[in-house]
Amino acid sequence: MKKILIANRGEIALRIIRAAKDLGINTVAIFSEADRDSLHVRFADESVCIGGSSPDKSYLNIPRIIAAAEISGADAIHPGYGFLAENPSFAEACEDNNFIFIGPTSETIKKMGDKAEARKVMGKAKVPVIPGSKGTIRNIEEAIKIAEEIQYPVMIKAVSGGGGRGMRIARNELELKTGFRMAKSEAQAAFGDDSLYLEKYLLNSRHIEIQILADSHGNVVHLGERECSIQRRHQKLVEEAPSTAVDEKLRSKMGNAAVSGAKSLGYKSAGTFEFLVSENGDFHFMEMNTRIQVEHTVTEETTGIDIVSEQIRIAQGDPMSITEQDQIHLTGHAIEIRINAEDHTKDFAPKPGTINALHLPGGPGIRIDSHIYQGYNIPPNYDSLLLKLVSHGVDREQSRKRLIRALDEFVIRGVPTTIPLYKEILTNPDFIAGKITTNFIENIEY
């Protein structure tokens, strides 16, 4: 592999550029007209403008991305996260045009991208699955019947969903009818597929995910868990590793389940198994993400493993740098927060604009992954993520205090950010005690 085209933007594009440079591989950035002045364009070895500001004319336009790869002489394509990262048609287009796709095969992406099909596959692999529909739901009458069988509350989900879109909680039949219609419409608009499925909504549960790596030489390992329970609109705000709810025994059980699931798929690349963990410690598979996660950073901090570099090694056909489970050791505690240009007091409304002043924090145990700079104009066309702030300490309390110290040092002017919210979260008694669930944000006062 000599040259990687990065089919993405923002902080993840920069993250991939850095990993490629560490491996001595050249990079090609693609960019829309709105991203002409973005840092990923500046720091890549080459760059290609592929279209207008709207995603469908640029970062979601498969023919233009393939053409950019051909023109630039790239031999590999990294999709990052979001956009086309879990689109099987994009992976297939890369394969058909003889580009190495830095991720799993298009067939695997298709199988796990259909959330209803993924539940079936994991059930066959003996991975515990949340009770719910056995496949897609044809109509509201079928949804009502299933909801009565598994009992309310239930979660309506888009088969092709992600990022919290096409999801609704229903606590009774009336909410199910309303939520079914809304989720169907939202799923069609977001994914071009209005197929839905249903699963039991587990109250007071925790959202725990397991990072895995698998190569073409038969090596499959897990890198421990990440706690992702603090969310807004089913989108993660705070992630940490390890989880305060997971001991060695549960970690081993969940890790083994994820490894078993990956082996049953013949999976090759980095991937994440997402579970819900109940109050009594039972865990149930929700879905698998066949890409790099936004929150991969906390696992890198606690394991010392560069997950993006491992993705590239695996795509080249090389063995992973770690091939045995006992080579992986968790050290200390890491917490990541996603700082967005949003007004959290107004239902997290996005607020694009120009950053007039910027000072980034530093010091021991602080990592920042970002693409912003003073004078940067945040375009309204994409997600509102400005940066990921990650702390690492010998234990959770040191990591928490370092994160608060970093937030106190931050200066971002010109747009509202979610920094005030994180100060509330990090000093909340329940957070300090590790008593967090997926309902945390709903219950916190700010």
Protein backbone atom coordinates (compact mmCIF):
# COMPACT_ATOMS: atom_id res chain seq x y z
CA MET A 1 0.00 0.00 0.00
CA LYS A 2 1.60 3.25 -1.17
CA LYS A 3 -1.18 5.84 -1.20
CA ILE A 4 -4.47 6.07 0.75
CA LEU A 5 -7.38 8.23 -0.31
CA ILE A 6 -9.40 9.33 2.72
CA ALA A 7 -13.10 9.36 1.91
CA ASN A 8 -14.01 11.63 4.81
CA ARG A 9 -13.42 15.01 6.42
CA GLY A 10 -12.69 16.73 9.73
CA GLU A 11 -10.95 15.18 12.71
CA ILE A 12 -11.17 11.56 11.52
CA ALA A 13 -9.53 12.47 8.21
CA LEU A 14 -6.64 14.05 10.14
CA ARG A 15 -6.45 10.99 12.39
CA ILE A 16 -6.05 8.71 9.36
CA ILE A 17 -3.44 11.03 7.81
CA ARG A 18 -1.36 10.79 10.99
CA ALA A 19 -1.56 6.99 11.11
CA ALA A 20 -0.60 6.75 7.43
CA LYS A 21 2.39 9.06 7.92
CA ASP A 22 3.57 6.91 10.84
CA LEU A 23 3.51 3.94 8.45
CA GLY A 24 5.25 5.83 5.63
CA ILE A 25 2.18 5.86 3.38
CA ASN A 26 1.16 8.90 1.31
CA THR A 27 -2.36 10.33 1.61
CA VAL A 28 -4.96 11.98 -0.61
CA ALA A 29 -7.63 14.20 0.94
CA ILE A 30 -10.95 14.75 -0.77
CA PHE A 31 -12.92 17.86 0.08
CA SER A 32 -16.12 19.67 -0.73
CA GLU A 33 -16.27 23.35 -1.61
CA ALA A 34 -17.23 24.07 2.01
CA ASP A 35 -14.09 22.32 3.27
CA ARG A 36 -11.52 23.98 1.01
CA ASP A 37 -9.76 25.52 4.04
CA SER A 38 -10.00 22.48 6.30
CA LEU A 39 -6.85 21.15 7.99
CA HIS A 40 -7.19 17.67 6.51
CA VAL A 41 -6.73 19.28 3.09
CA ARG A 42 -3.65 21.16 4.28
CA PHE A 43 -1.89 18.19 5.90
CA ALA A 44 -2.53 15.48 3.29
CA ASP A 45 0.12 14.93 0.62
CA GLU A 46 -2.43 15.62 -2.11
CA SER A 47 -6.01 16.86 -2.26
CA VAL A 48 -8.92 16.69 -4.70
CA CYS A 49 -12.10 18.78 -4.66
CA ILE A 50 -14.97 16.45 -5.47
CA GLY A 51 -18.01 18.70 -5.47
CA GLY A 52 -20.41 21.05 -3.77
CA SER A 53 -21.03 21.57 -0.09
CA SER A 54 -23.97 19.22 0.33
CA PRO A 55 -22.89 15.65 1.23
CA ASP A 56 -24.72 14.08 -1.73
CA LYS A 57 -22.51 16.12 -4.08
CA SER A 58 -19.29 15.24 -2.28
CA TYR A 59 -18.73 12.86 0.64
CA LEU A 60 -21.69 10.65 -0.30
CA ASN A 61 -20.99 10.68 -4.04
CA ILE A 62 -19.46 7.27 -4.80
CA PRO A 63 -18.61 7.86 -8.50
CA ARG A 64 -16.75 11.09 -7.70
CA ILE A 65 -14.78 9.47 -4.87
CA ILE A 66 -13.78 6.54 -7.07
CA ALA A 67 -12.79 8.98 -9.84
CA ALA A 68 -10.65 10.96 -7.35
CA ALA A 69 -8.89 7.75 -6.31
CA GLU A 70 -8.19 6.87 -9.95
CA ILE A 71 -6.92 10.36 -10.83
CA SER A 72 -4.64 10.56 -7.79
CA GLY A 73 -3.20 7.08 -8.23
CA ALA A 74 -4.33 5.87 -4.82
CA ASP A 75 -4.31 2.13 -4.25
CA ALA A 76 -6.42 2.13 -1.07
CA ILE A 77 -9.43 3.98 0.36
CA HIS A 78 -10.19 4.59 4.04
CA PRO A 79 -13.83 5.52 4.73
CA GLY A 80 -13.41 6.83 8.31
CA TYR A 81 -16.74 6.93 10.16
CA GLY A 82 -20.13 8.25 9.06
CA PHE A 83 -20.87 9.10 5.43
CA LEU A 84 -20.08 5.93 3.39
CA ALA A 85 -18.16 4.02 6.08
CA GLU A 86 -20.85 1.36 6.47
CA ASN A 87 -22.29 1.52 2.97
CA PRO A 88 -21.81 -1.89 1.29
CA SER A 89 -22.23 -0.36 -2.17
CA PHE A 90 -19.22 1.88 -1.54
CA ALA A 91 -17.07 -1.01 -0.32
CA GLU A 92 -18.19 -3.02 -3.35
CA ALA A 93 -17.32 -0.14 -5.70
CA CYS A 94 -13.83 -0.04 -4.17
CA GLU A 95 -13.45 -3.80 -4.63
CA ASP A 96 -14.77 -3.72 -8.23
CA ASN A 97 -12.31 -0.96 -9.15
CA ASN A 98 -9.34 -2.74 -7.56
CA PHE A 99 -8.89 -0.40 -4.62
CA ILE A 100 -8.09 -1.83 -1.21
CA PHE A 101 -11.00 -0.96 1.07
CA ILE A 102 -9.66 -0.35 4.58
CA GLY A 103 -12.44 -2.17 6.37
CA PRO A 104 -14.31 -5.47 6.13
CA THR A 105 -15.72 -6.90 2.91
CA SER A 106 -18.84 -5.42 1.31
CA GLU A 107 -20.65 -8.69 2.05
CA THR A 108 -19.87 -8.41 5.78
CA ILE A 109 -20.88 -4.74 5.89
CA LYS A 110 -24.18 -5.58 4.19
CA LYS A 111 -24.89 -8.44 6.58
CA MET A 112 -24.18 -6.42 9.74
CA GLY A 113 -25.62 -3.17 8.38
CA ASP A 114 -29.04 -4.78 8.26
CA LYS A 115 -29.69 -4.59 12.00
CA ALA A 116 -32.45 -7.20 11.87
CA GLU A 117 -30.19 -9.62 9.96
CA ALA A 118 -27.33 -8.90 12.39
CA ARG A 119 -29.53 -10.02 15.28
CA LYS A 120 -30.17 -13.33 13.49
CA VAL A 121 -26.47 -13.86 12.73
CA MET A 122 -25.42 -13.18 16.32
CA GLY A 123 -28.18 -15.40 17.66
CA LYS A 124 -26.81 -18.29 15.59
CA ALA A 125 -23.32 -17.53 16.97
CA LYS A 126 -24.75 -17.92 20.52
CA VAL A 127 -24.23 -14.23 21.33
CA PRO A 128 -27.01 -13.04 23.70
CA VAL A 129 -29.48 -10.86 21.76
CA ILE A 130 -32.09 -8.40 23.09
CA PRO A 131 -35.62 -9.87 22.78
CA GLY A 132 -37.43 -8.45 19.77
CA SER A 133 -38.66 -9.06 16.25
CA LYS A 134 -37.00 -11.86 14.29
CA GLY A 135 -36.70 -9.66 11.21
CA THR A 136 -38.14 -6.51 9.70
CA ILE A 137 -41.68 -5.47 10.66
CA ARG A 138 -44.12 -5.29 7.77
CA ASN A 139 -46.79 -3.08 9.37
CA ILE A 140 -48.01 -1.49 12.59
CA GLU A 141 -50.30 -4.45 13.36
CA GLU A 142 -47.29 -6.77 13.44
CA ALA A 143 -45.40 -4.26 15.62
CA ILE A 144 -48.27 -4.16 18.13
CA LYS A 145 -48.36 -7.96 18.31
CA ILE A 146 -44.61 -8.21 18.96
CA ALA A 147 -44.71 -5.40 21.53
CA GLU A 148 -47.43 -7.25 23.45
CA GLU A 149 -45.30 -10.40 23.42
CA ILE A 150 -42.07 -8.80 24.69
CA GLN A 151 -43.96 -6.17 26.75
CA TYR A 152 -43.52 -2.40 26.85
CA PRO A 153 -41.40 -0.31 26.79
CA VAL A 154 -40.00 -1.16 23.34
CA MET A 155 -37.54 0.49 20.99
CA ILE A 156 -38.41 1.05 17.33
CA LYS A 157 -35.27 1.02 15.18
CA ALA A 158 -34.35 1.55 11.55
CA VAL A 159 -32.84 -1.54 9.94
CA SER A 160 -30.26 0.65 8.16
CA GLY A 161 -29.97 3.03 11.10
CA GLY A 162 -27.15 4.71 12.92
CA GLY A 163 -26.34 7.88 14.83
CA GLY A 164 -29.63 7.78 16.72
CA ARG A 165 -31.75 8.38 13.61
CA GLY A 166 -34.86 6.32 12.92
CA MET A 167 -35.23 5.40 16.61
CA ARG A 168 -38.18 5.88 18.94
CA ILE A 169 -39.09 4.60 22.42
CA ALA A 170 -42.69 3.45 22.90
CA ARG A 171 -44.15 2.87 26.36
CA ASN A 172 -47.66 1.97 25.18
CA GLU A 173 -49.64 1.23 22.04
CA LEU A 174 -50.41 4.87 21.28
CA GLU A 175 -46.70 5.81 21.44
CA LEU A 176 -45.91 2.77 19.30
CA LYS A 177 -48.30 3.88 16.55
CA THR A 178 -46.95 7.45 16.57
CA GLY A 179 -43.30 6.40 16.91
CA PHE A 180 -43.61 3.76 14.18
CA ARG A 181 -44.83 6.35 11.68
CA MET A 182 -42.16 8.91 12.67
CA ALA A 183 -39.29 6.39 12.69
CA LYS A 184 -40.35 5.09 9.27
CA SER A 185 -40.35 8.60 7.79
CA GLU A 186 -37.03 9.52 9.41
CA ALA A 187 -35.38 6.28 8.29
CA GLN A 188 -36.48 6.85 4.69
CA ALA A 189 -35.12 10.40 4.71
CA ALA A 190 -31.81 9.49 6.38
CA PHE A 191 -31.01 6.12 4.79
CA GLY A 192 -33.31 5.71 1.80
CA ASP A 193 -34.74 2.63 3.56
CA ASP A 194 -37.82 2.78 5.79
CA SER A 195 -37.52 -0.81 7.08
CA LEU A 196 -37.93 -1.09 10.86
CA TYR A 197 -37.50 -3.69 13.57
CA LEU A 198 -38.47 -3.83 17.22
CA GLU A 199 -36.63 -4.76 20.39
CA LYS A 200 -37.24 -4.63 24.13
CA TYR A 201 -36.18 -1.33 25.71
CA LEU A 202 -34.16 -2.17 28.79
CA LEU A 203 -34.69 0.42 31.52
CA ASN A 204 -31.71 1.60 33.59
CA SER A 205 -29.31 -0.27 31.34
CA ARG A 206 -25.79 0.66 30.36
CA HIS A 207 -24.44 0.93 26.84
CA ILE A 208 -21.17 -1.02 26.76
CA GLU A 209 -19.20 -1.81 23.63
CA ILE A 210 -16.31 -4.16 22.91
CA GLN A 211 -13.55 -3.22 20.44
CA ILE A 212 -12.21 -6.11 18.36
CA LEU A 213 -9.43 -6.53 15.82
CA ALA A 214 -9.32 -9.41 13.34
CA ASP A 215 -6.88 -10.12 10.50
CA SER A 216 -6.70 -12.47 7.53
CA HIS A 217 -4.32 -14.80 9.38
CA GLY A 218 -6.98 -16.08 11.78
CA ASN A 219 -6.09 -13.75 14.65
CA VAL A 220 -9.04 -12.21 16.54
CA VAL A 221 -8.68 -10.28 19.82
CA HIS A 222 -10.74 -7.86 21.86
CA LEU A 223 -9.36 -4.68 23.43
CA GLY A 224 -11.70 -4.46 26.38
CA GLU A 225 -14.82 -2.39 26.79
CA ARG A 226 -15.94 1.21 26.50
CA GLU A 227 -18.74 2.76 28.55
CA CYS A 228 -20.99 4.82 26.26
CA SER A 229 -24.13 5.27 28.35
CA ILE A 230 -24.23 9.08 28.49
CA GLN A 231 -26.06 10.04 25.31
CA ARG A 232 -28.42 12.62 23.87
CA ARG A 233 -30.99 11.49 21.30
CA HIS A 234 -29.19 8.10 21.28
CA GLN A 235 -25.93 9.78 20.24
CA LYS A 236 -22.95 9.42 22.56
CA LEU A 237 -21.55 12.35 24.54
CA VAL A 238 -19.13 10.76 27.01
CA GLU A 239 -17.16 7.54 26.56
CA GLU A 240 -14.73 5.94 28.97
CA ALA A 241 -12.61 2.85 29.40
CA PRO A 242 -12.81 0.77 31.40
CA SER A 243 -16.44 0.82 32.62
CA THR A 244 -17.23 1.09 36.31
CA ALA A 245 -19.92 -1.58 35.76
CA VAL A 246 -17.61 -4.21 34.27
CA ASP A 247 -15.34 -6.50 36.31
CA GLU A 248 -12.82 -8.99 34.96
CA LYS A 249 -15.39 -11.79 34.80
CA LEU A 250 -17.95 -9.76 32.82
CA ARG A 251 -15.22 -8.28 30.61
CA SER A 252 -14.07 -11.80 29.71
CA LYS A 253 -17.64 -12.95 28.96
CA MET A 254 -18.44 -9.96 26.76
CA GLY A 255 -15.05 -10.05 25.07
CA ASN A 256 -15.38 -13.75 24.31
CA ALA A 257 -18.86 -13.18 22.90
CA ALA A 258 -17.56 -10.43 20.61
CA VAL A 259 -14.63 -12.57 19.45
CA SER A 260 -17.00 -15.48 18.81
CA GLY A 261 -19.30 -13.20 16.81
CA ALA A 262 -16.39 -11.88 14.74
CA LYS A 263 -15.12 -15.38 14.03
CA SER A 264 -18.58 -16.53 12.92
CA LEU A 265 -18.55 -13.72 10.33
CA GLY A 266 -15.00 -14.35 9.15
CA TYR A 267 -14.51 -10.70 10.06
CA LYS A 268 -11.31 -8.86 9.04
CA SER A 269 -10.62 -5.30 10.29
CA ALA A 270 -11.39 -3.22 13.36
CA GLY A 271 -14.97 -3.51 14.56
CA THR A 272 -17.16 -2.84 17.56
CA PHE A 273 -19.85 -4.96 19.19
CA GLU A 274 -22.41 -2.89 21.06
CA PHE A 275 -24.24 -4.38 24.05
CA LEU A 276 -26.80 -3.28 26.60
CA VAL A 277 -25.95 -4.40 30.13
CA SER A 278 -28.78 -4.69 32.65
CA GLU A 279 -28.62 -3.86 36.34
CA ASN A 280 -28.03 -7.52 37.21
CA GLY A 281 -25.07 -7.82 34.81
CA ASP A 282 -26.82 -9.62 31.93
CA PHE A 283 -25.67 -8.38 28.53
CA HIS A 284 -27.43 -8.39 25.16
CA PHE A 285 -26.13 -7.69 21.64
CA MET A 286 -27.57 -4.60 19.95
CA GLU A 287 -25.51 -4.13 16.80
CA MET A 288 -22.06 -4.26 15.28
CA ASN A 289 -20.27 -1.25 13.80
CA THR A 290 -18.04 -2.35 10.93
CA ARG A 291 -15.81 0.73 11.02
CA ILE A 292 -13.60 2.82 13.25
CA GLN A 293 -15.58 4.38 16.10
CA VAL A 294 -15.46 8.05 17.09
CA GLU A 295 -14.49 6.89 20.59
CA HIS A 296 -11.65 4.56 19.57
CA THR A 297 -9.32 7.02 21.30
CA VAL A 298 -10.14 5.86 24.85
CA THR A 299 -9.20 2.30 23.93
CA GLU A 300 -5.96 3.51 22.37
CA GLU A 301 -5.14 5.37 25.57
CA THR A 302 -5.76 2.38 27.84
CA THR A 303 -4.14 -0.28 25.62
CA GLY A 304 -1.38 1.66 23.84
CA ILE A 305 -2.57 0.18 20.52
CA ASP A 306 -2.97 2.42 17.45
CA ILE A 307 -6.27 1.06 16.13
CA VAL A 308 -6.19 3.02 12.85
CA SER A 309 -2.69 1.73 12.06
CA GLU A 310 -3.91 -1.79 12.81
CA GLN A 311 -6.78 -1.27 10.35
CA ILE A 312 -4.27 -0.37 7.66
CA ARG A 313 -1.99 -3.34 8.45
CA ILE A 314 -4.94 -5.73 8.27
CA ALA A 315 -6.12 -4.25 4.94
CA GLN A 316 -2.62 -4.80 3.53
CA GLY A 317 -2.86 -8.46 4.44
CA ASP A 318 -0.30 -8.21 7.24
CA PRO A 319 -0.77 -9.86 10.64
CA MET A 320 -1.84 -7.54 13.44
CA SER A 321 0.90 -6.33 15.75
CA ILE A 322 -0.88 -8.16 18.59
CA THR A 323 -2.13 -11.64 17.86
CA GLU A 324 -2.82 -13.15 21.29
CA GLN A 325 -5.35 -12.02 23.88
CA ASP A 326 -2.80 -12.19 26.70
CA GLN A 327 -0.68 -9.55 24.92
CA ILE A 328 -3.33 -6.92 25.71
CA HIS A 329 -3.10 -5.11 29.03
CA LEU A 330 -5.36 -2.29 30.21
CA THR A 331 -3.55 0.59 31.90
CA GLY A 332 -5.22 3.39 33.81
CA HIS A 333 -8.50 5.05 32.87
CA ALA A 334 -9.47 7.23 29.90
CA ILE A 335 -12.49 9.48 29.33
CA GLU A 336 -13.49 11.14 26.05
CA ILE A 337 -15.97 13.96 25.58
CA ARG A 338 -17.24 15.20 22.22
CA ILE A 339 -17.34 18.99 22.10
CA ASN A 340 -19.90 20.18 19.58
CA ALA A 341 -20.94 23.58 18.26
CA GLU A 342 -24.38 23.25 19.82
CA ASP A 343 -26.64 24.99 22.31
CA HIS A 344 -27.40 22.22 24.80
CA THR A 345 -30.02 24.41 26.53
CA LYS A 346 -32.06 24.47 23.32
CA ASP A 347 -32.30 20.74 22.62
CA PHE A 348 -28.70 20.61 21.37
CA ALA A 349 -29.45 22.82 18.36
CA PRO A 350 -26.40 23.01 16.01
CA LYS A 351 -24.81 26.47 15.79
CA PRO A 352 -22.42 26.84 12.85
CA GLY A 353 -20.29 29.97 12.61
CA THR A 354 -16.72 31.28 12.73
CA ILE A 355 -14.31 30.54 15.57
CA ASN A 356 -13.00 33.98 16.51
CA ALA A 357 -10.70 32.94 19.35
CA LEU A 358 -9.26 29.57 20.27
CA HIS A 359 -6.98 28.26 23.01
CA LEU A 360 -6.57 24.50 23.36
CA PRO A 361 -5.59 22.96 26.72
CA GLY A 362 -2.64 20.65 27.31
CA GLY A 363 -0.61 19.11 30.10
CA PRO A 364 -0.18 15.55 31.36
CA GLY A 365 -2.80 13.05 30.26
CA ILE A 366 -4.60 15.28 27.75
CA ARG A 367 -5.20 14.41 24.08
CA ILE A 368 -7.12 16.49 21.55
CA ASP A 369 -8.25 15.19 18.15
CA SER A 370 -9.58 18.12 16.14
CA HIS A 371 -9.61 19.90 12.80
CA ILE A 372 -10.48 23.40 14.03
CA TYR A 373 -8.34 26.53 14.30
CA GLN A 374 -8.80 30.24 15.01
CA GLY A 375 -10.65 31.74 12.05
CA TYR A 376 -12.13 28.38 11.02
CA ASN A 377 -15.63 28.66 9.60
CA ILE A 378 -17.82 25.76 10.75
CA PRO A 379 -19.97 24.78 7.77
CA PRO A 380 -23.69 24.10 8.34
CA ASN A 381 -23.68 21.11 6.01
CA TYR A 382 -22.18 18.48 8.30
CA ASP A 383 -22.19 17.23 11.86
CA SER A 384 -21.40 19.76 14.57
CA LEU A 385 -18.41 17.94 16.13
CA LEU A 386 -15.54 20.36 16.80
CA LEU A 387 -13.14 18.12 18.68
CA LYS A 388 -12.67 15.14 20.93
CA LEU A 389 -11.05 15.84 24.28
CA VAL A 390 -9.53 12.77 25.92
CA SER A 391 -7.97 12.45 29.36
CA HIS A 392 -5.92 9.56 30.71
CA GLY A 393 -4.95 8.95 34.32
CA VAL A 394 -3.80 6.21 36.65
CA ASP A 395 -7.43 5.83 37.75
CA ARG A 396 -10.87 7.24 36.94
CA GLU A 397 -10.69 10.05 39.47
CA GLN A 398 -7.41 11.39 38.12
CA SER A 399 -8.75 11.16 34.59
CA ARG A 400 -11.92 13.04 35.61
CA LYS A 401 -9.96 15.83 37.32
CA ARG A 402 -7.63 16.20 34.34
CA LEU A 403 -10.65 16.57 32.09
CA ILE A 404 -12.11 19.31 34.30
CA ARG A 405 -8.73 21.08 34.35
CA ALA A 406 -8.61 20.93 30.54
CA LEU A 407 -12.15 22.31 30.21
CA ASP A 408 -11.22 25.22 32.49
CA GLU A 409 -8.30 26.05 30.15
CA PHE A 410 -10.44 25.96 27.00
CA VAL A 411 -11.24 29.13 25.08
CA ILE A 412 -13.60 28.85 22.08
CA ARG A 413 -15.34 32.05 21.01
CA GLY A 414 -17.66 32.74 18.12
CA VAL A 415 -19.98 29.76 18.54
CA PRO A 416 -21.71 28.18 21.55
CA THR A 417 -20.30 24.81 22.60
CA THR A 418 -21.24 21.95 24.88
CA ILE A 419 -18.35 22.71 27.29
CA PRO A 420 -20.67 24.04 30.06
CA LEU A 421 -22.70 20.82 29.91
CA TYR A 422 -19.59 18.67 30.39
CA LYS A 423 -18.60 20.64 33.48
CA GLU A 424 -22.03 19.80 34.90
CA ILE A 425 -21.68 16.13 33.99
CA LEU A 426 -18.16 15.71 35.36
CA THR A 427 -19.07 17.25 38.71
CA ASN A 428 -22.40 15.44 39.03
CA PRO A 429 -22.40 13.15 42.12
CA ASP A 430 -23.84 10.20 40.17
CA PHE A 431 -21.15 10.51 37.50
CA ILE A 432 -18.43 10.75 40.14
CA ALA A 433 -19.81 7.59 41.74
CA GLY A 434 -19.98 5.81 38.37
CA LYS A 435 -23.77 5.52 38.61
CA ILE A 436 -24.65 6.18 34.99
CA THR A 437 -27.24 4.71 32.63
CA THR A 438 -28.61 5.56 29.20
CA ASN A 439 -31.14 7.82 30.97
CA PHE A 440 -28.44 9.97 32.60
CA ILE A 441 -28.88 13.12 30.47
CA GLU A 442 -32.67 12.99 30.85
CA ASN A 443 -32.30 13.06 34.62
CA ILE A 444 -29.47 15.58 35.05
CA GLU A 445 -30.30 19.19 35.85
CA TYR A 446 -28.43 21.85 33.86
